[in-house]
Amino acid sequence: ELILRFDDTDTTVKPPMLEAYDSI
């Protein structure tokens, strides 16, 4: 199984972009 994981727990240095959750 291939697991696609969003390691999005940095809110300060590398805040995630909302549109990336759909595009990735």
mmCIF file of all heavy atoms, coordinates in Angstrom:
data_MODEL
# 
_entry.id   MODEL 
# 
loop_
_atom_site.group_PDB 
_atom_site.id 
_atom_site.type_symbol 
_atom_site.label_atom_id 
_atom_site.label_alt_id 
_atom_site.label_comp_id 
_atom_site.label_asym_id 
_atom_site.label_entity_id 
_atom_site.label_seq_id 
_atom_site.pdbx_PDB_ins_code 
_atom_site.Cartn_x 
_atom_site.Cartn_y 
_atom_site.Cartn_z 
_atom_site.occupancy 
_atom_site.B_iso_or_equiv 
_atom_site.pdbx_formal_charge 
_atom_site.auth_seq_id 
_atom_site.auth_comp_id 
_atom_site.auth_asym_id 
_atom_site.auth_atom_id 
_atom_site.pdbx_PDB_model_num 
ATOM 1   N N   . GLU A 1 1  ? 0.833  -1.194 0.000  1.00 0.00 ? 1  GLU A N   1 
ATOM 2   C CA  . GLU A 1 1  ? 0.000  0.000  0.000  1.00 0.00 ? 1  GLU A CA  1 
ATOM 3   C C   . GLU A 1 1  ? 0.874  1.253  0.000  1.00 0.00 ? 1  GLU A C   1 
ATOM 4   O O   . GLU A 1 1  ? 1.877  1.320  0.716  1.00 0.00 ? 1  GLU A O   1 
ATOM 5   C CB  . GLU A 1 1  ? -0.900 0.034  1.232  1.00 0.00 ? 1  GLU A CB  1 
ATOM 6   C CG  . GLU A 1 1  ? -2.013 -0.992 1.219  1.00 0.00 ? 1  GLU A CG  1 
ATOM 7   C CD  . GLU A 1 1  ? -2.942 -0.807 2.406  1.00 0.00 ? 1  GLU A CD  1 
ATOM 8   O OE1 . GLU A 1 1  ? -2.479 -1.017 3.544  1.00 0.00 ? 1  GLU A OE1 1 
ATOM 9   O OE2 . GLU A 1 1  ? -4.100 -0.433 2.202  1.00 0.00 ? 1  GLU A OE2 1 
ATOM 10  N N   . LEU A 1 2  ? 0.465  2.215  -0.801 1.00 0.00 ? 2  LEU A N   1 
ATOM 11  C CA  . LEU A 1 2  ? 1.137  3.510  -0.834 1.00 0.00 ? 2  LEU A CA  1 
ATOM 12  C C   . LEU A 1 2  ? 0.366  4.467  0.062  1.00 0.00 ? 2  LEU A C   1 
ATOM 13  O O   . LEU A 1 2  ? -0.834 4.658  -0.110 1.00 0.00 ? 2  LEU A O   1 
ATOM 14  C CB  . LEU A 1 2  ? 1.179  4.056  -2.268 1.00 0.00 ? 2  LEU A CB  1 
ATOM 15  C CG  . LEU A 1 2  ? 1.782  5.456  -2.425 1.00 0.00 ? 2  LEU A CG  1 
ATOM 16  C CD1 . LEU A 1 2  ? 3.266  5.447  -2.121 1.00 0.00 ? 2  LEU A CD1 1 
ATOM 17  C CD2 . LEU A 1 2  ? 1.534  5.996  -3.824 1.00 0.00 ? 2  LEU A CD2 1 
ATOM 18  N N   . ILE A 1 3  ? 1.067  5.051  1.031  1.00 0.00 ? 3  ILE A N   1 
ATOM 19  C CA  . ILE A 1 3  ? 0.440  5.991  1.954  1.00 0.00 ? 3  ILE A CA  1 
ATOM 20  C C   . ILE A 1 3  ? 0.893  7.404  1.595  1.00 0.00 ? 3  ILE A C   1 
ATOM 21  O O   . ILE A 1 3  ? 2.085  7.703  1.573  1.00 0.00 ? 3  ILE A O   1 
ATOM 22  C CB  . ILE A 1 3  ? 0.842  5.685  3.418  1.00 0.00 ? 3  ILE A CB  1 
ATOM 23  C CG1 . ILE A 1 3  ? 0.470  4.244  3.771  1.00 0.00 ? 3  ILE A CG1 1 
ATOM 24  C CG2 . ILE A 1 3  ? 0.167  6.667  4.370  1.00 0.00 ? 3  ILE A CG2 1 
ATOM 25  C CD1 . ILE A 1 3  ? 1.019  3.783  5.105  1.00 0.00 ? 3  ILE A CD1 1 
ATOM 26  N N   . LEU A 1 4  ? -0.077 8.251  1.299  1.00 0.00 ? 4  LEU A N   1 
ATOM 27  C CA  . LEU A 1 4  ? 0.207  9.660  1.018  1.00 0.00 ? 4  LEU A CA  1 
ATOM 28  C C   . LEU A 1 4  ? -0.065 10.437 2.296  1.00 0.00 ? 4  LEU A C   1 
ATOM 29  O O   . LEU A 1 4  ? -1.195 10.502 2.767  1.00 0.00 ? 4  LEU A O   1 
ATOM 30  C CB  . LEU A 1 4  ? -0.686 10.164 -0.117 1.00 0.00 ? 4  LEU A CB  1 
ATOM 31  C CG  . LEU A 1 4  ? -0.540 11.639 -0.498 1.00 0.00 ? 4  LEU A CG  1 
ATOM 32  C CD1 . LEU A 1 4  ? 0.865  11.961 -0.971 1.00 0.00 ? 4  LEU A CD1 1 
ATOM 33  C CD2 . LEU A 1 4  ? -1.565 12.014 -1.564 1.00 0.00 ? 4  LEU A CD2 1 
ATOM 34  N N   . ARG A 1 5  ? 0.986  10.993 2.870  1.00 0.00 ? 5  ARG A N   1 
ATOM 35  C CA  . ARG A 1 5  ? 0.843  11.633 4.186  1.00 0.00 ? 5  ARG A CA  1 
ATOM 36  C C   . ARG A 1 5  ? 1.206  13.111 4.122  1.00 0.00 ? 5  ARG A C   1 
ATOM 37  O O   . ARG A 1 5  ? 2.253  13.481 3.601  1.00 0.00 ? 5  ARG A O   1 
ATOM 38  C CB  . ARG A 1 5  ? 1.727  10.927 5.215  1.00 0.00 ? 5  ARG A CB  1 
ATOM 39  C CG  . ARG A 1 5  ? 1.435  11.357 6.642  1.00 0.00 ? 5  ARG A CG  1 
ATOM 40  C CD  . ARG A 1 5  ? 2.098  10.458 7.639  1.00 0.00 ? 5  ARG A CD  1 
ATOM 41  N NE  . ARG A 1 5  ? 3.536  10.647 7.701  1.00 0.00 ? 5  ARG A NE  1 
ATOM 42  C CZ  . ARG A 1 5  ? 4.410  9.682  8.005  1.00 0.00 ? 5  ARG A CZ  1 
ATOM 43  N NH1 . ARG A 1 5  ? 3.969  8.463  8.247  1.00 0.00 ? 5  ARG A NH1 1 
ATOM 44  N NH2 . ARG A 1 5  ? 5.689  9.940  8.048  1.00 0.00 ? 5  ARG A NH2 1 
ATOM 45  N N   . PHE A 1 6  ? 0.326  13.922 4.666  1.00 0.00 ? 6  PHE A N   1 
ATOM 46  C CA  . PHE A 1 6  ? 0.588  15.347 4.794  1.00 0.00 ? 6  PHE A CA  1 
ATOM 47  C C   . PHE A 1 6  ? 1.181  15.600 6.176  1.00 0.00 ? 6  PHE A C   1 
ATOM 48  O O   . PHE A 1 6  ? 0.463  15.579 7.179  1.00 0.00 ? 6  PHE A O   1 
ATOM 49  C CB  . PHE A 1 6  ? -0.718 16.141 4.639  1.00 0.00 ? 6  PHE A CB  1 
ATOM 50  C CG  . PHE A 1 6  ? -1.296 16.129 3.253  1.00 0.00 ? 6  PHE A CG  1 
ATOM 51  C CD1 . PHE A 1 6  ? -2.078 15.069 2.816  1.00 0.00 ? 6  PHE A CD1 1 
ATOM 52  C CD2 . PHE A 1 6  ? -1.070 17.182 2.383  1.00 0.00 ? 6  PHE A CD2 1 
ATOM 53  C CE1 . PHE A 1 6  ? -2.618 15.062 1.542  1.00 0.00 ? 6  PHE A CE1 1 
ATOM 54  C CE2 . PHE A 1 6  ? -1.606 17.187 1.101  1.00 0.00 ? 6  PHE A CE2 1 
ATOM 55  C CZ  . PHE A 1 6  ? -2.380 16.122 0.677  1.00 0.00 ? 6  PHE A CZ  1 
ATOM 56  N N   . ASP A 1 7  ? 2.484  15.828 6.229  1.00 0.00 ? 7  ASP A N   1 
ATOM 57  C CA  . ASP A 1 7  ? 3.145  16.155 7.495  1.00 0.00 ? 7  ASP A CA  1 
ATOM 58  C C   . ASP A 1 7  ? 3.042  17.666 7.698  1.00 0.00 ? 7  ASP A C   1 
ATOM 59  O O   . ASP A 1 7  ? 4.026  18.395 7.552  1.00 0.00 ? 7  ASP A O   1 
ATOM 60  C CB  . ASP A 1 7  ? 4.607  15.689 7.471  1.00 0.00 ? 7  ASP A CB  1 
ATOM 61  C CG  . ASP A 1 7  ? 4.727  14.171 7.455  1.00 0.00 ? 7  ASP A CG  1 
ATOM 62  O OD1 . ASP A 1 7  ? 3.892  13.511 8.087  1.00 0.00 ? 7  ASP A OD1 1 
ATOM 63  O OD2 . ASP A 1 7  ? 5.649  13.650 6.815  1.00 0.00 ? 7  ASP A OD2 1 
ATOM 64  N N   . ASP A 1 8  ? 1.855  18.114 8.046  1.00 0.00 ? 8  ASP A N   1 
ATOM 65  C CA  . ASP A 1 8  ? 1.547  19.549 8.041  1.00 0.00 ? 8  ASP A CA  1 
ATOM 66  C C   . ASP A 1 8  ? 1.443  20.132 9.451  1.00 0.00 ? 8  ASP A C   1 
ATOM 67  O O   . ASP A 1 8  ? 0.488  20.842 9.782  1.00 0.00 ? 8  ASP A O   1 
ATOM 68  C CB  . ASP A 1 8  ? 0.237  19.790 7.277  1.00 0.00 ? 8  ASP A CB  1 
ATOM 69  C CG  . ASP A 1 8  ? -0.948 19.059 7.907  1.00 0.00 ? 8  ASP A CG  1 
ATOM 70  O OD1 . ASP A 1 8  ? -0.719 18.099 8.673  1.00 0.00 ? 8  ASP A OD1 1 
ATOM 71  O OD2 . ASP A 1 8  ? -2.099 19.453 7.641  1.00 0.00 ? 8  ASP A OD2 1 
ATOM 72  N N   . THR A 1 9  ? 2.429  19.819 10.288 1.00 0.00 ? 9  THR A N   1 
ATOM 73  C CA  . THR A 1 9  ? 2.341  20.256 11.688 1.00 0.00 ? 9  THR A CA  1 
ATOM 74  C C   . THR A 1 9  ? 3.243  21.447 12.015 1.00 0.00 ? 9  THR A C   1 
ATOM 75  O O   . THR A 1 9  ? 3.426  21.777 13.182 1.00 0.00 ? 9  THR A O   1 
ATOM 76  C CB  . THR A 1 9  ? 2.678  19.084 12.633 1.00 0.00 ? 9  THR A CB  1 
ATOM 77  O OG1 . THR A 1 9  ? 3.983  18.584 12.322 1.00 0.00 ? 9  THR A OG1 1 
ATOM 78  C CG2 . THR A 1 9  ? 1.662  17.967 12.495 1.00 0.00 ? 9  THR A CG2 1 
ATOM 79  N N   . ASP A 1 10 ? 3.798  22.079 10.998 1.00 0.00 ? 10 ASP A N   1 
ATOM 80  C CA  . ASP A 1 10 ? 4.600  23.290 11.213 1.00 0.00 ? 10 ASP A CA  1 
ATOM 81  C C   . ASP A 1 10 ? 3.751  24.490 10.801 1.00 0.00 ? 10 ASP A C   1 
ATOM 82  O O   . ASP A 1 10 ? 3.513  24.721 9.623  1.00 0.00 ? 10 ASP A O   1 
ATOM 83  C CB  . ASP A 1 10 ? 5.884  23.232 10.384 1.00 0.00 ? 10 ASP A CB  1 
ATOM 84  C CG  . ASP A 1 10 ? 6.821  24.405 10.665 1.00 0.00 ? 10 ASP A CG  1 
ATOM 85  O OD1 . ASP A 1 10 ? 6.369  25.422 11.237 1.00 0.00 ? 10 ASP A OD1 1 
ATOM 86  O OD2 . ASP A 1 10 ? 8.001  24.312 10.296 1.00 0.00 ? 10 ASP A OD2 1 
ATOM 87  N N   . THR A 1 11 ? 3.279  25.241 11.794 1.00 0.00 ? 11 THR A N   1 
ATOM 88  C CA  . THR A 1 11 ? 2.425  26.394 11.492 1.00 0.00 ? 11 THR A CA  1 
ATOM 89  C C   . THR A 1 11 ? 3.208  27.697 11.442 1.00 0.00 ? 11 THR A C   1 
ATOM 90  O O   . THR A 1 11 ? 2.645  28.747 11.140 1.00 0.00 ? 11 THR A O   1 
ATOM 91  C CB  . THR A 1 11 ? 1.315  26.545 12.543 1.00 0.00 ? 11 THR A CB  1 
ATOM 92  O OG1 . THR A 1 11 ? 1.893  26.918 13.799 1.00 0.00 ? 11 THR A OG1 1 
ATOM 93  C CG2 . THR A 1 11 ? 0.548  25.245 12.710 1.00 0.00 ? 11 THR A CG2 1 
ATOM 94  N N   . THR A 1 12 ? 4.505  27.625 11.734 1.00 0.00 ? 12 THR A N   1 
ATOM 95  C CA  . THR A 1 12 ? 5.306  28.848 11.858 1.00 0.00 ? 12 THR A CA  1 
ATOM 96  C C   . THR A 1 12 ? 6.256  29.045 10.685 1.00 0.00 ? 12 THR A C   1 
ATOM 97  O O   . THR A 1 12 ? 6.181  30.038 9.959  1.00 0.00 ? 12 THR A O   1 
ATOM 98  C CB  . THR A 1 12 ? 6.104  28.836 13.167 1.00 0.00 ? 12 THR A CB  1 
ATOM 99  O OG1 . THR A 1 12 ? 5.208  28.642 14.265 1.00 0.00 ? 12 THR A OG1 1 
ATOM 100 C CG2 . THR A 1 12 ? 6.851  30.150 13.364 1.00 0.00 ? 12 THR A CG2 1 
ATOM 101 N N   . VAL A 1 13 ? 7.163  28.092 10.486 1.00 0.00 ? 13 VAL A N   1 
ATOM 102 C CA  . VAL A 1 13 ? 8.185  28.237 9.447  1.00 0.00 ? 13 VAL A CA  1 
ATOM 103 C C   . VAL A 1 13 ? 7.633  27.853 8.077  1.00 0.00 ? 13 VAL A C   1 
ATOM 104 O O   . VAL A 1 13 ? 7.879  28.530 7.080  1.00 0.00 ? 13 VAL A O   1 
ATOM 105 C CB  . VAL A 1 13 ? 9.425  27.378 9.780  1.00 0.00 ? 13 VAL A CB  1 
ATOM 106 C CG1 . VAL A 1 13 ? 10.491 27.536 8.698  1.00 0.00 ? 13 VAL A CG1 1 
ATOM 107 C CG2 . VAL A 1 13 ? 9.998  27.789 11.137 1.00 0.00 ? 13 VAL A CG2 1 
ATOM 108 N N   . LYS A 1 14 ? 6.888  26.749 8.029  1.00 0.00 ? 14 LYS A N   1 
ATOM 109 C CA  . LYS A 1 14 ? 6.352  26.262 6.755  1.00 0.00 ? 14 LYS A CA  1 
ATOM 110 C C   . LYS A 1 14 ? 4.852  26.019 6.866  1.00 0.00 ? 14 LYS A C   1 
ATOM 111 O O   . LYS A 1 14 ? 4.382  24.874 6.817  1.00 0.00 ? 14 LYS A O   1 
ATOM 112 C CB  . LYS A 1 14 ? 7.063  24.969 6.335  1.00 0.00 ? 14 LYS A CB  1 
ATOM 113 C CG  . LYS A 1 14 ? 8.546  25.137 6.060  1.00 0.00 ? 14 LYS A CG  1 
ATOM 114 C CD  . LYS A 1 14 ? 9.168  23.824 5.627  1.00 0.00 ? 14 LYS A CD  1 
ATOM 115 C CE  . LYS A 1 14 ? 10.649 24.000 5.305  1.00 0.00 ? 14 LYS A CE  1 
ATOM 116 N NZ  . LYS A 1 14 ? 11.276 22.720 4.868  1.00 0.00 ? 14 LYS A NZ  1 
ATOM 117 N N   . PRO A 1 15 ? 4.061  27.088 7.025  1.00 0.00 ? 15 PRO A N   1 
ATOM 118 C CA  . PRO A 1 15 ? 2.606  26.898 7.115  1.00 0.00 ? 15 PRO A CA  1 
ATOM 119 C C   . PRO A 1 15 ? 2.062  26.318 5.820  1.00 0.00 ? 15 PRO A C   1 
ATOM 120 O O   . PRO A 1 15 ? 2.444  26.739 4.728  1.00 0.00 ? 15 PRO A O   1 
ATOM 121 C CB  . PRO A 1 15 ? 2.079  28.310 7.372  1.00 0.00 ? 15 PRO A CB  1 
ATOM 122 C CG  . PRO A 1 15 ? 3.141  29.224 6.840  1.00 0.00 ? 15 PRO A CG  1 
ATOM 123 C CD  . PRO A 1 15 ? 4.442  28.525 7.077  1.00 0.00 ? 15 PRO A CD  1 
ATOM 124 N N   . PRO A 1 16 ? 1.179  25.335 5.917  1.00 0.00 ? 16 PRO A N   1 
ATOM 125 C CA  . PRO A 1 16 ? 0.670  24.691 4.696  1.00 0.00 ? 16 PRO A CA  1 
ATOM 126 C C   . PRO A 1 16 ? -0.276 25.583 3.908  1.00 0.00 ? 16 PRO A C   1 
ATOM 127 O O   . PRO A 1 16 ? -0.922 26.478 4.453  1.00 0.00 ? 16 PRO A O   1 
ATOM 128 C CB  . PRO A 1 16 ? -0.061 23.455 5.233  1.00 0.00 ? 16 PRO A CB  1 
ATOM 129 C CG  . PRO A 1 16 ? -0.411 23.799 6.637  1.00 0.00 ? 16 PRO A CG  1 
ATOM 130 C CD  . PRO A 1 16 ? 0.668  24.701 7.137  1.00 0.00 ? 16 PRO A CD  1 
ATOM 131 N N   . MET A 1 17 ? -0.347 25.327 2.600  1.00 0.00 ? 17 MET A N   1 
ATOM 132 C CA  . MET A 1 17 ? -1.260 26.032 1.706  1.00 0.00 ? 17 MET A CA  1 
ATOM 133 C C   . MET A 1 17 ? -2.513 25.177 1.536  1.00 0.00 ? 17 MET A C   1 
ATOM 134 O O   . MET A 1 17 ? -2.423 24.001 1.183  1.00 0.00 ? 17 MET A O   1 
ATOM 135 C CB  . MET A 1 17 ? -0.597 26.259 0.352  1.00 0.00 ? 17 MET A CB  1 
ATOM 136 C CG  . MET A 1 17 ? 0.617  27.171 0.407  1.00 0.00 ? 17 MET A CG  1 
ATOM 137 S SD  . MET A 1 17 ? 1.518  27.196 -1.170 1.00 0.00 ? 17 MET A SD  1 
ATOM 138 C CE  . MET A 1 17 ? 0.216  27.687 -2.300 1.00 0.00 ? 17 MET A CE  1 
ATOM 139 N N   . LEU A 1 18 ? -3.668 25.781 1.777  1.00 0.00 ? 18 LEU A N   1 
ATOM 140 C CA  . LEU A 1 18 ? -4.917 25.023 1.742  1.00 0.00 ? 18 LEU A CA  1 
ATOM 141 C C   . LEU A 1 18 ? -5.147 24.336 0.395  1.00 0.00 ? 18 LEU A C   1 
ATOM 142 O O   . LEU A 1 18 ? -5.626 23.202 0.338  1.00 0.00 ? 18 LEU A O   1 
ATOM 143 C CB  . LEU A 1 18 ? -6.094 25.944 2.071  1.00 0.00 ? 18 LEU A CB  1 
ATOM 144 C CG  . LEU A 1 18 ? -6.349 26.206 3.556  1.00 0.00 ? 18 LEU A CG  1 
ATOM 145 C CD1 . LEU A 1 18 ? -7.487 27.188 3.723  1.00 0.00 ? 18 LEU A CD1 1 
ATOM 146 C CD2 . LEU A 1 18 ? -6.654 24.902 4.291  1.00 0.00 ? 18 LEU A CD2 1 
ATOM 147 N N   . GLU A 1 19 ? -4.807 25.027 -0.714 1.00 0.00 ? 19 GLU A N   1 
ATOM 148 C CA  . GLU A 1 19 ? -5.087 24.446 -2.030 1.00 0.00 ? 19 GLU A CA  1 
ATOM 149 C C   . GLU A 1 19 ? -4.261 23.183 -2.297 1.00 0.00 ? 19 GLU A C   1 
ATOM 150 O O   . GLU A 1 19 ? -4.634 22.357 -3.137 1.00 0.00 ? 19 GLU A O   1 
ATOM 151 C CB  . GLU A 1 19 ? -4.839 25.471 -3.133 1.00 0.00 ? 19 GLU A CB  1 
ATOM 152 C CG  . GLU A 1 19 ? -3.451 26.069 -3.157 1.00 0.00 ? 19 GLU A CG  1 
ATOM 153 C CD  . GLU A 1 19 ? -3.328 27.375 -2.386 1.00 0.00 ? 19 GLU A CD  1 
ATOM 154 O OE1 . GLU A 1 19 ? -4.004 27.508 -1.342 1.00 0.00 ? 19 GLU A OE1 1 
ATOM 155 O OE2 . GLU A 1 19 ? -2.562 28.248 -2.823 1.00 0.00 ? 19 GLU A OE2 1 
ATOM 156 N N   . ALA A 1 20 ? -3.162 23.019 -1.555 1.00 0.00 ? 20 ALA A N   1 
ATOM 157 C CA  . ALA A 1 20 ? -2.300 21.859 -1.778 1.00 0.00 ? 20 ALA A CA  1 
ATOM 158 C C   . ALA A 1 20 ? -2.971 20.555 -1.343 1.00 0.00 ? 20 ALA A C   1 
ATOM 159 O O   . ALA A 1 20 ? -2.671 19.488 -1.876 1.00 0.00 ? 20 ALA A O   1 
ATOM 160 C CB  . ALA A 1 20 ? -0.972 22.030 -1.041 1.00 0.00 ? 20 ALA A CB  1 
ATOM 161 N N   . TYR A 1 21 ? -3.885 20.633 -0.361 1.00 0.00 ? 21 TYR A N   1 
ATOM 162 C CA  . TYR A 1 21 ? -4.568 19.418 0.085  1.00 0.00 ? 21 TYR A CA  1 
ATOM 163 C C   . TYR A 1 21 ? -5.400 18.797 -1.034 1.00 0.00 ? 21 TYR A C   1 
ATOM 164 O O   . TYR A 1 21 ? -5.581 17.581 -1.067 1.00 0.00 ? 21 TYR A O   1 
ATOM 165 C CB  . TYR A 1 21 ? -5.470 19.734 1.278  1.00 0.00 ? 21 TYR A CB  1 
ATOM 166 C CG  . TYR A 1 21 ? -4.728 20.099 2.542  1.00 0.00 ? 21 TYR A CG  1 
ATOM 167 C CD1 . TYR A 1 21 ? -4.508 21.431 2.878  1.00 0.00 ? 21 TYR A CD1 1 
ATOM 168 C CD2 . TYR A 1 21 ? -4.241 19.114 3.404  1.00 0.00 ? 21 TYR A CD2 1 
ATOM 169 C CE1 . TYR A 1 21 ? -3.838 21.778 4.033  1.00 0.00 ? 21 TYR A CE1 1 
ATOM 170 C CE2 . TYR A 1 21 ? -3.566 19.450 4.567  1.00 0.00 ? 21 TYR A CE2 1 
ATOM 171 C CZ  . TYR A 1 21 ? -3.362 20.787 4.879  1.00 0.00 ? 21 TYR A CZ  1 
ATOM 172 O OH  . TYR A 1 21 ? -2.678 21.124 6.025  1.00 0.00 ? 21 TYR A OH  1 
ATOM 173 N N   . ASP A 1 22 ? -5.912 19.637 -1.931 1.00 0.00 ? 22 ASP A N   1 
ATOM 174 C CA  . ASP A 1 22 ? -6.697 19.132 -3.063 1.00 0.00 ? 22 ASP A CA  1 
ATOM 175 C C   . ASP A 1 22 ? -5.818 18.771 -4.251 1.00 0.00 ? 22 ASP A C   1 
ATOM 176 O O   . ASP A 1 22 ? -6.060 17.778 -4.944 1.00 0.00 ? 22 ASP A O   1 
ATOM 177 C CB  . ASP A 1 22 ? -7.728 20.176 -3.492 1.00 0.00 ? 22 ASP A CB  1 
ATOM 178 C CG  . ASP A 1 22 ? -8.792 20.424 -2.432 1.00 0.00 ? 22 ASP A CG  1 
ATOM 179 O OD1 . ASP A 1 22 ? -9.154 19.463 -1.730 1.00 0.00 ? 22 ASP A OD1 1 
ATOM 180 O OD2 . ASP A 1 22 ? -9.236 21.573 -2.298 1.00 0.00 ? 22 ASP A OD2 1 
ATOM 181 N N   . SER A 1 23 ? -4.782 19.580 -4.496 1.00 0.00 ? 23 SER A N   1 
ATOM 182 C CA  . SER A 1 23 ? -3.969 19.373 -5.697 1.00 0.00 ? 23 SER A CA  1 
ATOM 183 C C   . SER A 1 23 ? -3.010 18.191 -5.575 1.00 0.00 ? 23 SER A C   1 
ATOM 184 O O   . SER A 1 23 ? -2.756 17.486 -6.555 1.00 0.00 ? 23 SER A O   1 
ATOM 185 C CB  . SER A 1 23 ? -3.176 20.646 -6.024 1.00 0.00 ? 23 SER A CB  1 
ATOM 186 O OG  . SER A 1 23 ? -2.209 20.929 -5.028 1.00 0.00 ? 23 SER A OG  1 
ATOM 187 N N   . ILE A 1 24 ? -2.471 17.959 -4.396 1.00 0.00 ? 24 ILE A N   1 
ATOM 188 C CA  . ILE A 1 24 ? -1.450 16.911 -4.241 1.00 0.00 ? 24 ILE A CA  1 
ATOM 189 C C   . ILE A 1 24 ? -1.985 15.513 -4.551 1.00 0.00 ? 24 ILE A C   1 
ATOM 190 O O   . ILE A 1 24 ? -1.337 14.762 -5.293 1.00 0.00 ? 24 ILE A O   1 
ATOM 191 C CB  . ILE A 1 24 ? -0.797 16.986 -2.840 1.00 0.00 ? 24 ILE A CB  1 
ATOM 192 C CG1 . ILE A 1 24 ? 0.142  18.199 -2.784 1.00 0.00 ? 24 ILE A CG1 1 
ATOM 193 C CG2 . ILE A 1 24 ? -0.040 15.707 -2.508 1.00 0.00 ? 24 ILE A CG2 1 
ATOM 194 C CD1 . ILE A 1 24 ? 0.775  18.448 -1.425 1.00 0.00 ? 24 ILE A CD1 1 
# 
